[in-house]
N, C-alpha and C. Protein backbone atom coordinates (compact mmCIF):
# COMPACT_ATOMS: atom_id res chain seq x y z
N MET A 1 -10.62 -126.96 30.19
CA MET A 1 -11.64 -126.11 30.49
C MET A 1 -11.27 -124.81 30.92
N ARG A 2 -10.28 -124.72 31.93
CA ARG A 2 -9.62 -123.55 32.42
C ARG A 2 -9.08 -122.67 31.40
N SER A 3 -8.39 -123.35 30.29
CA SER A 3 -7.92 -122.63 29.29
C SER A 3 -8.83 -121.96 28.53
N PHE A 4 -9.95 -122.60 28.34
CA PHE A 4 -11.07 -122.15 27.50
C PHE A 4 -11.78 -120.99 28.19
N ILE A 5 -11.96 -120.90 29.61
CA ILE A 5 -12.47 -119.81 30.32
C ILE A 5 -11.60 -118.79 30.46
N SER A 6 -10.25 -118.84 30.46
CA SER A 6 -9.36 -117.79 30.29
C SER A 6 -9.30 -117.23 29.08
N LEU A 7 -9.62 -117.88 27.99
CA LEU A 7 -9.60 -117.33 26.65
C LEU A 7 -10.80 -116.34 26.37
N VAL A 8 -11.96 -116.87 27.03
CA VAL A 8 -13.09 -116.11 26.82
C VAL A 8 -13.10 -114.88 27.68
N THR A 9 -12.48 -115.02 28.79
CA THR A 9 -12.21 -113.77 29.81
C THR A 9 -11.26 -112.67 29.17
N LEU A 10 -10.25 -113.27 28.45
CA LEU A 10 -9.26 -112.27 27.77
C LEU A 10 -10.07 -111.72 26.59
N THR A 11 -10.94 -112.40 25.91
CA THR A 11 -11.64 -111.92 24.76
C THR A 11 -12.50 -110.81 25.11
N LEU A 12 -13.40 -111.10 26.29
CA LEU A 12 -14.31 -110.16 26.60
C LEU A 12 -13.62 -108.86 26.99
N SER A 13 -12.58 -109.15 27.85
CA SER A 13 -11.85 -107.82 28.40
C SER A 13 -11.38 -107.04 27.09
N ALA A 14 -10.82 -107.62 26.12
CA ALA A 14 -10.40 -106.78 24.99
C ALA A 14 -11.50 -106.15 24.37
N ILE A 15 -12.78 -106.81 24.34
CA ILE A 15 -13.89 -106.18 23.72
C ILE A 15 -14.11 -104.88 24.53
N VAL A 16 -14.22 -104.92 25.71
CA VAL A 16 -14.78 -103.79 26.59
C VAL A 16 -13.85 -102.72 26.57
N ALA A 17 -12.36 -103.19 26.61
CA ALA A 17 -11.41 -101.99 26.48
C ALA A 17 -11.40 -101.19 25.17
N THR A 18 -11.78 -102.08 23.99
CA THR A 18 -11.92 -101.37 22.83
C THR A 18 -13.01 -100.41 22.90
N ALA A 19 -14.12 -100.87 23.39
CA ALA A 19 -15.36 -100.28 23.15
C ALA A 19 -15.54 -98.95 24.09
N ALA A 20 -15.01 -99.10 25.33
CA ALA A 20 -14.93 -97.95 26.13
C ALA A 20 -14.10 -96.74 25.83
N PRO A 21 -14.65 -95.70 25.66
CA PRO A 21 -14.12 -94.40 25.26
C PRO A 21 -12.93 -94.03 26.27
N THR A 22 -11.70 -93.71 25.97
CA THR A 22 -10.88 -93.31 27.06
C THR A 22 -10.90 -91.75 27.19
N PRO A 23 -10.50 -91.17 28.44
CA PRO A 23 -10.59 -89.83 28.55
C PRO A 23 -9.80 -89.10 27.44
N GLU A 24 -8.64 -89.58 26.98
CA GLU A 24 -7.91 -88.91 25.86
C GLU A 24 -8.88 -88.74 24.72
N ALA A 25 -9.57 -89.85 24.31
CA ALA A 25 -10.34 -89.91 23.31
C ALA A 25 -11.45 -88.69 23.33
N GLY A 26 -12.21 -88.75 24.45
CA GLY A 26 -13.18 -87.75 24.74
C GLY A 26 -12.73 -86.38 24.55
N GLU A 27 -11.44 -86.08 25.30
CA GLU A 27 -10.87 -84.90 25.06
C GLU A 27 -10.62 -84.46 23.72
N LEU A 28 -10.02 -85.45 22.93
CA LEU A 28 -9.76 -85.05 21.51
C LEU A 28 -10.93 -84.73 20.82
N GLU A 29 -12.00 -85.38 21.11
CA GLU A 29 -13.21 -85.26 20.24
C GLU A 29 -13.77 -83.91 20.47
N ALA A 30 -13.74 -83.50 21.86
CA ALA A 30 -14.19 -82.03 22.21
C ALA A 30 -13.37 -81.02 21.71
N ARG A 31 -12.08 -81.15 21.49
CA ARG A 31 -11.29 -80.12 21.08
C ARG A 31 -11.43 -79.90 19.55
N GLN A 32 -11.83 -81.15 18.88
CA GLN A 32 -11.99 -81.12 17.46
C GLN A 32 -13.20 -80.32 17.00
N SER A 33 -14.10 -80.11 18.14
CA SER A 33 -15.32 -79.37 17.81
C SER A 33 -15.02 -77.84 18.17
N CYS A 34 -14.00 -77.51 18.62
CA CYS A 34 -13.55 -76.13 19.01
C CYS A 34 -13.52 -75.11 17.86
N PRO A 35 -13.90 -74.07 17.73
CA PRO A 35 -13.75 -73.12 16.62
C PRO A 35 -12.25 -72.38 16.80
N ASP A 36 -11.94 -71.92 15.62
CA ASP A 36 -10.61 -71.10 15.77
C ASP A 36 -10.92 -69.84 16.41
N VAL A 37 -12.06 -69.27 16.35
CA VAL A 37 -12.35 -68.09 16.97
C VAL A 37 -13.80 -67.99 17.61
N GLN A 38 -14.00 -67.88 18.85
CA GLN A 38 -15.32 -67.81 19.54
C GLN A 38 -15.72 -66.57 20.01
N VAL A 39 -16.67 -65.74 19.44
CA VAL A 39 -17.18 -64.59 19.88
C VAL A 39 -18.61 -64.70 20.74
N TYR A 40 -18.49 -64.13 21.84
CA TYR A 40 -19.73 -64.02 22.71
C TYR A 40 -20.16 -62.57 22.55
N PHE A 41 -21.49 -62.50 22.08
CA PHE A 41 -22.10 -61.04 21.91
C PHE A 41 -23.33 -60.81 22.64
N ALA A 42 -23.57 -59.59 23.29
CA ALA A 42 -24.76 -59.39 24.05
C ALA A 42 -25.41 -58.21 23.28
N ARG A 43 -26.64 -58.30 22.92
CA ARG A 43 -27.47 -57.50 22.25
C ARG A 43 -27.88 -56.19 22.93
N GLY A 44 -28.47 -55.24 22.36
CA GLY A 44 -28.96 -54.10 23.22
C GLY A 44 -30.25 -54.19 23.71
N THR A 45 -30.72 -53.32 24.53
CA THR A 45 -32.07 -53.33 25.22
C THR A 45 -33.28 -53.35 24.07
N THR A 46 -34.16 -54.28 24.44
CA THR A 46 -35.33 -54.58 23.66
C THR A 46 -34.99 -55.14 22.28
N GLU A 47 -33.92 -55.38 21.94
CA GLU A 47 -33.73 -56.03 20.70
C GLU A 47 -34.02 -57.53 20.58
N VAL A 48 -34.60 -57.81 19.60
CA VAL A 48 -35.09 -59.28 19.45
C VAL A 48 -33.91 -60.31 19.17
N GLY A 49 -34.36 -61.57 19.43
CA GLY A 49 -33.30 -62.68 19.24
C GLY A 49 -32.28 -62.66 20.09
N THR A 50 -30.96 -63.30 19.86
CA THR A 50 -29.88 -63.13 20.73
C THR A 50 -28.80 -62.30 20.14
N LEU A 51 -28.96 -61.82 18.88
CA LEU A 51 -28.00 -61.10 18.20
C LEU A 51 -28.50 -59.58 17.94
N GLY A 52 -29.80 -59.53 17.97
CA GLY A 52 -30.39 -58.23 17.90
C GLY A 52 -30.22 -57.86 16.39
N THR A 53 -30.33 -56.48 16.01
CA THR A 53 -30.47 -56.10 14.65
C THR A 53 -29.40 -54.92 14.29
N VAL A 54 -29.24 -54.10 15.31
CA VAL A 54 -28.28 -53.00 15.09
C VAL A 54 -26.87 -53.23 14.75
N VAL A 55 -26.32 -54.25 15.51
CA VAL A 55 -24.97 -54.53 15.33
C VAL A 55 -24.43 -55.94 15.12
N GLY A 56 -25.13 -56.85 15.87
CA GLY A 56 -24.87 -58.24 15.90
C GLY A 56 -24.67 -58.93 14.55
N PRO A 57 -25.83 -58.91 13.71
CA PRO A 57 -25.66 -59.56 12.37
C PRO A 57 -24.54 -59.04 11.49
N SER A 58 -24.42 -57.58 11.44
CA SER A 58 -23.48 -56.99 10.51
C SER A 58 -21.99 -57.40 11.09
N PHE A 59 -21.69 -57.39 12.39
CA PHE A 59 -20.38 -57.67 13.08
C PHE A 59 -20.14 -59.17 12.73
N SER A 60 -21.15 -60.04 12.86
CA SER A 60 -20.88 -61.41 12.55
C SER A 60 -20.47 -61.47 11.05
N THR A 61 -21.34 -60.97 10.24
CA THR A 61 -20.91 -60.91 8.73
C THR A 61 -19.31 -60.51 8.49
N ALA A 62 -19.30 -59.47 8.93
CA ALA A 62 -17.72 -58.70 8.73
C ALA A 62 -16.70 -59.57 9.36
N LEU A 63 -16.88 -60.28 10.50
CA LEU A 63 -15.86 -61.27 11.00
C LEU A 63 -15.54 -62.40 9.95
N ASN A 64 -16.71 -62.91 9.69
CA ASN A 64 -16.50 -64.07 8.52
C ASN A 64 -15.77 -63.74 7.34
N VAL A 65 -16.01 -62.37 6.88
CA VAL A 65 -15.37 -61.98 5.71
C VAL A 65 -13.89 -61.78 5.98
N GLN A 66 -13.58 -61.07 7.22
CA GLN A 66 -12.32 -60.68 7.57
C GLN A 66 -11.49 -61.89 8.01
N LEU A 67 -12.14 -63.00 8.48
CA LEU A 67 -11.37 -64.10 9.00
C LEU A 67 -11.61 -65.31 8.09
N VAL A 68 -11.67 -65.01 6.75
CA VAL A 68 -11.99 -66.16 5.85
C VAL A 68 -10.87 -67.29 6.03
N GLY A 69 -11.39 -68.56 5.95
CA GLY A 69 -10.41 -69.61 6.24
C GLY A 69 -10.31 -70.01 7.64
N LYS A 70 -10.91 -69.26 8.50
CA LYS A 70 -10.99 -69.65 9.86
C LYS A 70 -12.55 -69.94 10.38
N ASN A 71 -12.47 -70.80 11.16
CA ASN A 71 -13.76 -71.31 11.70
C ASN A 71 -14.16 -70.26 12.79
N VAL A 72 -15.15 -69.50 12.43
CA VAL A 72 -15.72 -68.37 13.56
C VAL A 72 -17.03 -68.74 14.04
N ARG A 73 -17.15 -68.95 15.39
CA ARG A 73 -18.44 -69.16 16.06
C ARG A 73 -18.89 -67.77 16.82
N PHE A 74 -19.92 -67.46 16.20
CA PHE A 74 -20.63 -66.11 16.86
C PHE A 74 -21.84 -66.57 17.54
N THR A 75 -21.71 -66.23 18.87
CA THR A 75 -22.99 -66.84 19.72
C THR A 75 -23.48 -65.51 20.47
N GLY A 76 -24.72 -65.40 20.30
CA GLY A 76 -25.41 -64.28 20.95
C GLY A 76 -25.83 -64.83 22.44
N ILE A 77 -25.80 -64.01 23.40
CA ILE A 77 -25.88 -64.23 24.84
C ILE A 77 -27.42 -64.15 24.96
N ASP A 78 -28.06 -65.19 25.54
CA ASP A 78 -29.61 -65.21 25.80
C ASP A 78 -29.74 -64.46 27.26
N TYR A 79 -30.37 -63.44 27.25
CA TYR A 79 -30.60 -62.63 28.37
C TYR A 79 -31.91 -61.67 28.10
N PRO A 80 -32.59 -61.25 29.00
CA PRO A 80 -33.98 -60.51 28.64
C PRO A 80 -33.75 -59.31 27.79
N ALA A 81 -32.59 -58.41 28.11
CA ALA A 81 -32.36 -57.19 27.64
C ALA A 81 -33.62 -56.24 27.84
N LEU A 82 -33.98 -56.27 28.98
CA LEU A 82 -35.12 -55.16 29.29
C LEU A 82 -34.68 -53.92 29.79
N VAL A 83 -35.41 -52.96 29.67
CA VAL A 83 -35.11 -51.60 30.12
C VAL A 83 -34.60 -51.59 31.60
N SER A 84 -35.29 -52.32 32.36
CA SER A 84 -34.89 -52.55 33.93
C SER A 84 -33.49 -53.02 34.04
N GLY A 85 -33.02 -53.91 33.22
CA GLY A 85 -31.72 -54.20 33.26
C GLY A 85 -30.62 -53.34 32.85
N TYR A 86 -30.98 -52.43 31.91
CA TYR A 86 -30.12 -51.28 31.70
C TYR A 86 -30.06 -50.28 32.77
N LEU A 87 -31.22 -49.81 33.28
CA LEU A 87 -31.17 -49.01 34.35
C LEU A 87 -30.49 -49.50 35.49
N ALA A 88 -30.50 -50.72 35.76
CA ALA A 88 -29.78 -51.23 36.93
C ALA A 88 -28.16 -51.49 36.55
N GLY A 89 -27.76 -50.97 35.45
CA GLY A 89 -26.27 -51.11 35.06
C GLY A 89 -25.78 -52.39 34.19
N GLY A 90 -26.91 -52.92 33.96
CA GLY A 90 -26.76 -54.19 33.02
C GLY A 90 -27.16 -55.49 33.65
N ASP A 91 -27.72 -56.34 32.88
CA ASP A 91 -28.60 -57.52 33.50
C ASP A 91 -27.42 -58.56 34.05
N ALA A 92 -27.65 -58.78 35.24
CA ALA A 92 -26.70 -59.55 36.10
C ALA A 92 -26.71 -61.14 35.53
N GLY A 93 -27.84 -61.48 35.14
CA GLY A 93 -27.96 -62.88 34.64
C GLY A 93 -27.03 -63.05 33.28
N GLY A 94 -27.33 -62.16 32.42
CA GLY A 94 -26.82 -62.15 31.06
C GLY A 94 -25.21 -62.11 31.32
N ALA A 95 -24.78 -61.28 32.24
CA ALA A 95 -23.29 -61.18 32.54
C ALA A 95 -22.82 -62.41 33.00
N ARG A 96 -23.46 -63.21 33.90
CA ARG A 96 -23.23 -64.35 34.42
C ARG A 96 -22.96 -65.50 33.32
N THR A 97 -23.93 -65.44 32.40
CA THR A 97 -24.00 -66.35 31.33
C THR A 97 -22.87 -66.13 30.40
N MET A 98 -22.56 -64.81 30.20
CA MET A 98 -21.49 -64.56 29.21
C MET A 98 -20.03 -65.18 30.06
N ALA A 99 -19.75 -64.84 31.23
CA ALA A 99 -18.68 -65.16 32.13
C ALA A 99 -18.57 -66.61 31.92
N ASN A 100 -19.67 -67.32 32.30
CA ASN A 100 -19.62 -68.90 32.32
C ASN A 100 -19.22 -69.51 30.98
N SER A 101 -19.90 -68.86 30.00
CA SER A 101 -19.59 -69.37 28.71
C SER A 101 -18.11 -69.17 28.28
N VAL A 102 -17.60 -68.04 28.60
CA VAL A 102 -16.20 -67.74 28.15
C VAL A 102 -15.24 -68.90 29.13
N THR A 103 -15.67 -69.04 30.22
CA THR A 103 -14.68 -69.83 31.11
C THR A 103 -14.95 -71.37 30.57
N SER A 104 -16.03 -71.72 30.08
CA SER A 104 -16.31 -72.91 29.82
C SER A 104 -15.40 -73.27 28.37
N THR A 105 -15.34 -72.25 27.45
CA THR A 105 -14.60 -72.29 26.11
C THR A 105 -13.05 -72.28 26.64
N ALA A 106 -12.90 -71.38 27.31
CA ALA A 106 -11.23 -71.37 27.73
C ALA A 106 -10.72 -72.54 28.18
N ASN A 107 -11.58 -73.36 29.27
CA ASN A 107 -11.04 -74.57 29.69
C ASN A 107 -11.12 -75.68 28.60
N SER A 108 -12.00 -75.78 27.76
CA SER A 108 -12.18 -77.11 27.10
C SER A 108 -11.67 -76.81 25.60
N CYS A 109 -11.53 -75.56 25.31
CA CYS A 109 -10.87 -75.28 23.86
C CYS A 109 -9.50 -74.46 23.88
N PRO A 110 -8.38 -74.93 24.27
CA PRO A 110 -7.19 -74.37 24.75
C PRO A 110 -6.54 -73.50 23.53
N ASN A 111 -6.84 -73.79 22.16
CA ASN A 111 -6.28 -73.13 21.24
C ASN A 111 -7.35 -72.10 20.56
N THR A 112 -8.59 -71.88 21.07
CA THR A 112 -9.55 -71.08 20.62
C THR A 112 -9.27 -69.57 21.14
N LYS A 113 -9.38 -68.63 20.11
CA LYS A 113 -9.19 -67.19 20.49
C LYS A 113 -10.60 -66.79 20.81
N ILE A 114 -10.76 -66.09 21.93
CA ILE A 114 -11.97 -65.77 22.47
C ILE A 114 -12.19 -64.36 22.53
N VAL A 115 -13.30 -63.85 22.02
CA VAL A 115 -13.67 -62.43 21.68
C VAL A 115 -14.99 -62.06 22.79
N ILE A 116 -15.15 -61.11 23.42
CA ILE A 116 -16.39 -60.79 24.04
C ILE A 116 -16.97 -59.35 23.56
N SER A 117 -18.04 -59.16 23.39
CA SER A 117 -18.70 -58.01 22.84
C SER A 117 -19.94 -57.68 23.05
N GLY A 118 -20.45 -56.39 23.15
CA GLY A 118 -21.71 -55.98 23.32
C GLY A 118 -22.04 -54.65 22.89
N TYR A 119 -23.32 -54.50 22.67
CA TYR A 119 -23.94 -53.23 22.15
C TYR A 119 -24.98 -52.60 23.30
N SER A 120 -24.77 -51.37 23.61
CA SER A 120 -25.67 -50.73 24.61
C SER A 120 -25.67 -51.55 25.75
N GLN A 121 -26.89 -51.90 26.23
CA GLN A 121 -26.95 -52.70 27.46
C GLN A 121 -25.97 -53.90 27.37
N GLY A 122 -25.85 -54.42 26.16
CA GLY A 122 -24.94 -55.64 25.97
C GLY A 122 -23.47 -55.17 26.33
N ALA A 123 -23.13 -53.99 26.15
CA ALA A 123 -21.76 -53.43 26.62
C ALA A 123 -21.83 -53.48 27.98
N GLN A 124 -22.87 -53.14 28.75
CA GLN A 124 -22.81 -53.22 30.22
C GLN A 124 -22.58 -54.69 30.59
N VAL A 125 -23.34 -55.45 29.91
CA VAL A 125 -23.39 -56.96 30.29
C VAL A 125 -21.72 -57.51 30.08
N THR A 126 -21.23 -56.96 29.08
CA THR A 126 -19.68 -57.36 28.79
C THR A 126 -18.84 -56.92 29.85
N HIS A 127 -18.97 -55.65 30.31
CA HIS A 127 -18.14 -55.14 31.40
C HIS A 127 -18.52 -55.96 32.68
N LEU A 128 -19.67 -56.33 32.98
CA LEU A 128 -19.86 -57.04 34.08
C LEU A 128 -19.36 -58.46 34.05
N ALA A 129 -19.48 -59.12 32.87
CA ALA A 129 -18.77 -60.40 32.79
C ALA A 129 -17.37 -60.43 32.81
N ALA A 130 -16.69 -59.48 32.42
CA ALA A 130 -15.39 -59.25 32.41
C ALA A 130 -14.73 -59.46 33.87
N ARG A 131 -15.42 -58.62 34.65
CA ARG A 131 -15.12 -58.47 36.14
C ARG A 131 -15.29 -59.97 36.81
N GLN A 132 -16.03 -60.83 36.19
CA GLN A 132 -16.25 -62.02 36.82
C GLN A 132 -15.13 -63.17 36.45
N LEU A 133 -14.38 -62.84 35.43
CA LEU A 133 -13.40 -63.74 35.04
C LEU A 133 -12.03 -63.74 35.70
N SER A 134 -11.39 -64.97 36.10
CA SER A 134 -10.27 -65.04 36.78
C SER A 134 -9.18 -64.38 35.76
N SER A 135 -7.91 -64.10 36.32
CA SER A 135 -6.95 -63.51 35.66
C SER A 135 -6.56 -64.56 34.63
N ALA A 136 -6.50 -65.77 34.96
CA ALA A 136 -6.16 -66.96 33.88
C ALA A 136 -7.14 -66.93 32.78
N ILE A 137 -8.32 -66.82 33.00
CA ILE A 137 -9.28 -66.74 31.85
C ILE A 137 -9.23 -65.30 31.15
N GLN A 138 -9.07 -64.21 31.85
CA GLN A 138 -8.92 -62.91 31.20
C GLN A 138 -7.82 -63.06 30.10
N ASN A 139 -6.78 -63.73 30.33
CA ASN A 139 -5.74 -63.87 29.50
C ASN A 139 -6.02 -64.65 28.26
N ARG A 140 -7.19 -65.33 28.22
CA ARG A 140 -7.40 -66.09 27.11
C ARG A 140 -8.48 -65.32 26.04
N VAL A 141 -8.89 -64.32 26.61
CA VAL A 141 -9.73 -63.30 25.78
C VAL A 141 -8.87 -62.30 24.96
N VAL A 142 -8.91 -62.35 23.72
CA VAL A 142 -7.86 -61.67 22.96
C VAL A 142 -8.50 -60.09 22.61
N ALA A 143 -9.75 -60.16 22.61
CA ALA A 143 -10.32 -58.76 22.13
C ALA A 143 -11.75 -58.70 22.98
N VAL A 144 -12.01 -57.41 23.28
CA VAL A 144 -13.18 -57.00 23.72
C VAL A 144 -13.67 -55.80 23.09
N VAL A 145 -14.66 -55.98 22.52
CA VAL A 145 -15.50 -54.74 21.56
C VAL A 145 -16.83 -54.40 21.92
N THR A 146 -16.86 -53.00 22.35
CA THR A 146 -18.10 -52.56 22.64
C THR A 146 -18.67 -51.40 21.74
N PHE A 147 -19.98 -51.31 21.74
CA PHE A 147 -20.46 -50.28 20.80
C PHE A 147 -21.67 -49.73 21.65
N GLY A 148 -21.65 -48.20 21.54
CA GLY A 148 -22.56 -47.34 22.33
C GLY A 148 -22.57 -47.74 23.83
N ASP A 149 -21.41 -47.80 24.24
CA ASP A 149 -21.04 -48.23 25.56
C ASP A 149 -21.36 -47.32 26.80
N PRO A 150 -22.28 -47.60 27.58
CA PRO A 150 -22.61 -46.79 28.81
C PRO A 150 -21.42 -46.62 29.76
N TYR A 151 -20.52 -47.59 29.74
CA TYR A 151 -19.40 -47.73 30.60
C TYR A 151 -18.07 -47.21 29.72
N GLU A 152 -18.19 -46.46 28.85
CA GLU A 152 -17.16 -46.04 27.99
C GLU A 152 -15.80 -45.46 28.85
N SER A 153 -16.15 -44.75 29.87
CA SER A 153 -15.13 -44.19 30.70
C SER A 153 -14.78 -45.30 31.91
N THR A 154 -15.23 -46.52 31.94
CA THR A 154 -14.96 -47.40 32.90
C THR A 154 -13.80 -48.37 32.42
N ALA A 155 -12.91 -48.53 33.08
CA ALA A 155 -11.70 -49.40 32.63
C ALA A 155 -12.23 -50.87 32.87
N LEU A 156 -11.74 -51.84 31.91
CA LEU A 156 -11.93 -53.04 32.12
C LEU A 156 -10.90 -53.77 33.13
N PRO A 157 -11.04 -54.88 33.57
CA PRO A 157 -10.06 -55.34 34.46
C PRO A 157 -8.95 -55.95 33.86
N GLY A 158 -7.73 -55.97 34.56
CA GLY A 158 -6.58 -56.73 34.13
C GLY A 158 -6.05 -56.35 32.74
N VAL A 159 -5.64 -57.34 32.07
CA VAL A 159 -5.26 -57.18 30.65
C VAL A 159 -6.35 -56.68 29.73
N LEU A 160 -7.40 -56.94 30.11
CA LEU A 160 -8.59 -56.70 29.18
C LEU A 160 -8.67 -55.39 28.70
N GLN A 161 -8.37 -54.16 29.37
CA GLN A 161 -8.19 -52.89 28.98
C GLN A 161 -7.31 -52.56 27.92
N SER A 162 -6.30 -53.20 27.95
CA SER A 162 -5.45 -53.15 26.72
C SER A 162 -5.72 -53.73 25.62
N ARG A 163 -6.86 -54.65 25.46
CA ARG A 163 -7.37 -55.33 24.40
C ARG A 163 -8.77 -54.87 24.01
N ARG A 164 -8.99 -53.73 24.40
CA ARG A 164 -10.32 -53.10 24.22
C ARG A 164 -10.33 -52.34 23.09
N LYS A 165 -11.67 -52.31 22.39
CA LYS A 165 -12.10 -51.41 21.35
C LYS A 165 -13.47 -50.98 21.79
N THR A 166 -13.64 -49.62 21.82
CA THR A 166 -15.03 -49.09 22.09
C THR A 166 -15.25 -48.12 20.94
N PHE A 167 -16.57 -48.22 20.49
CA PHE A 167 -17.09 -47.39 19.47
C PHE A 167 -18.14 -46.47 20.07
N CYS A 168 -17.99 -45.13 20.24
CA CYS A 168 -19.11 -44.38 20.76
C CYS A 168 -18.88 -43.15 19.81
N ASN A 169 -20.26 -42.92 19.31
CA ASN A 169 -20.47 -41.79 18.38
C ASN A 169 -20.63 -40.61 18.94
N ILE A 170 -20.44 -39.41 18.41
CA ILE A 170 -20.56 -38.25 18.86
C ILE A 170 -21.97 -37.95 18.89
N GLY A 171 -22.49 -37.47 20.03
CA GLY A 171 -23.85 -37.22 20.19
C GLY A 171 -24.72 -38.48 20.68
N ASP A 172 -24.03 -39.43 21.02
CA ASP A 172 -24.80 -40.67 21.55
C ASP A 172 -24.64 -40.41 23.25
N LEU A 173 -25.81 -40.11 23.64
CA LEU A 173 -25.88 -39.70 25.08
C LEU A 173 -25.95 -40.90 25.85
N ILE A 174 -26.11 -42.09 25.43
CA ILE A 174 -25.98 -43.48 26.09
C ILE A 174 -24.46 -43.54 26.67
N CYS A 175 -23.51 -43.10 25.62
CA CYS A 175 -22.12 -43.27 25.94
C CYS A 175 -21.64 -42.21 27.22
N THR A 176 -22.52 -41.23 27.53
CA THR A 176 -22.11 -40.26 28.70
C THR A 176 -22.99 -40.85 29.87
N GLY A 177 -23.74 -41.78 29.74
CA GLY A 177 -24.39 -42.24 30.99
C GLY A 177 -25.81 -41.82 31.03
N GLN A 178 -26.29 -41.10 30.05
CA GLN A 178 -27.57 -40.63 30.11
C GLN A 178 -28.69 -41.58 29.34
N PRO A 179 -29.65 -41.89 29.99
CA PRO A 179 -30.63 -42.94 29.40
C PRO A 179 -31.52 -42.28 28.21
N ILE A 180 -30.92 -41.64 27.29
CA ILE A 180 -31.72 -41.09 26.17
C ILE A 180 -31.06 -41.70 24.93
N ILE A 181 -32.04 -42.11 23.99
CA ILE A 181 -31.48 -42.67 22.94
C ILE A 181 -31.82 -41.81 21.64
N LEU A 182 -30.74 -41.45 20.95
CA LEU A 182 -30.82 -40.53 19.79
C LEU A 182 -30.19 -41.20 18.66
N ALA A 183 -30.34 -40.64 17.48
CA ALA A 183 -30.10 -41.26 16.22
C ALA A 183 -28.49 -41.85 16.28
N PRO A 184 -27.66 -41.16 16.86
CA PRO A 184 -26.20 -41.72 16.84
C PRO A 184 -26.05 -43.03 17.51
N HIS A 185 -27.18 -43.31 18.39
CA HIS A 185 -26.88 -44.66 19.00
C HIS A 185 -27.32 -45.86 18.29
N LEU A 186 -27.98 -45.43 17.09
CA LEU A 186 -28.52 -46.63 16.47
C LEU A 186 -27.83 -46.86 14.86
N THR A 187 -26.53 -46.33 14.88
CA THR A 187 -25.93 -46.59 13.58
C THR A 187 -24.66 -47.38 13.73
N TYR A 188 -24.44 -48.00 14.72
CA TYR A 188 -23.11 -48.68 14.89
C TYR A 188 -22.85 -49.94 14.08
N GLY A 189 -23.95 -50.41 13.28
CA GLY A 189 -23.76 -51.40 12.36
C GLY A 189 -22.70 -51.02 11.36
N SER A 190 -22.57 -49.65 11.13
CA SER A 190 -21.44 -49.11 10.04
C SER A 190 -20.05 -49.19 10.67
N ASP A 191 -19.95 -49.63 11.92
CA ASP A 191 -18.52 -49.84 12.41
C ASP A 191 -18.24 -51.32 12.49
N ALA A 192 -19.16 -52.05 11.91
CA ALA A 192 -18.90 -53.55 11.97
C ALA A 192 -17.53 -54.01 11.37
N THR A 193 -17.24 -53.37 10.08
CA THR A 193 -15.83 -53.70 9.37
C THR A 193 -14.75 -53.34 10.28
N ALA A 194 -14.80 -52.02 10.82
CA ALA A 194 -13.70 -51.52 11.56
C ALA A 194 -13.48 -52.51 12.80
N ALA A 195 -14.61 -52.92 13.42
CA ALA A 195 -14.53 -53.81 14.64
C ALA A 195 -13.86 -55.19 14.30
N ALA A 196 -14.28 -55.59 13.09
CA ALA A 196 -13.73 -56.87 12.63
C ALA A 196 -12.22 -56.78 12.32
N THR A 197 -11.94 -55.60 11.86
CA THR A 197 -10.32 -55.56 11.57
C THR A 197 -9.66 -55.41 12.89
N PHE A 198 -10.20 -54.83 14.01
CA PHE A 198 -9.57 -54.81 15.17
C PHE A 198 -9.61 -56.33 15.73
N VAL A 199 -10.40 -57.09 15.73
CA VAL A 199 -10.40 -58.49 15.96
C VAL A 199 -9.39 -59.34 15.10
N ARG A 200 -9.25 -59.09 13.88
CA ARG A 200 -8.47 -59.88 13.09
C ARG A 200 -6.98 -59.57 13.34
N ALA A 201 -6.69 -58.40 13.65
CA ALA A 201 -5.23 -58.21 14.17
C ALA A 201 -4.70 -59.10 15.52
N ARG A 202 -5.91 -59.53 16.26
CA ARG A 202 -5.59 -60.19 17.38
C ARG A 202 -5.73 -61.70 17.51
N VAL A 203 -6.33 -62.22 16.31
CA VAL A 203 -6.52 -63.71 16.29
C VAL A 203 -5.35 -64.33 15.37
């Protein structure tokens, strides 16, 4: 009888051990879902959706063309993009969302190349997010790309300044800190290929 009970106990233990996921298995599954390149992009003031229309879609398309063969995930930051946010120097909540997203990806996807980017107020958000990253997380960000950047003359923290590419057109007063939108501020979609080329060289 004791032998039978022992046999049943051993069998049940084996079933439980087989069914229960190990930390290693869970970690492996998470890493398998990681992209080769993760881009976090913040749209400009009053733009619709999370990618907007001026830069986001064309930049995403250009990256997929330039990085053919790589798994590229292009994620728009969900934030209000209100005029009040721009006038305040960038939406704080959007910056926090971007910084938290970057940190989460850096911690869970050790081989993923991370890019942060933004247009207009989205560029402000990108700057604010960069300041919230630890030095270790900053090192995981391979490129920072901004368009129509109100903070064009403001350096990024740590290593990020040397990994930065900013597109500011002649005549774009937003880049000079003036809250006036003229035609040059609305044409950055034409820089999508150049921006993607910059990223490609770093991933």
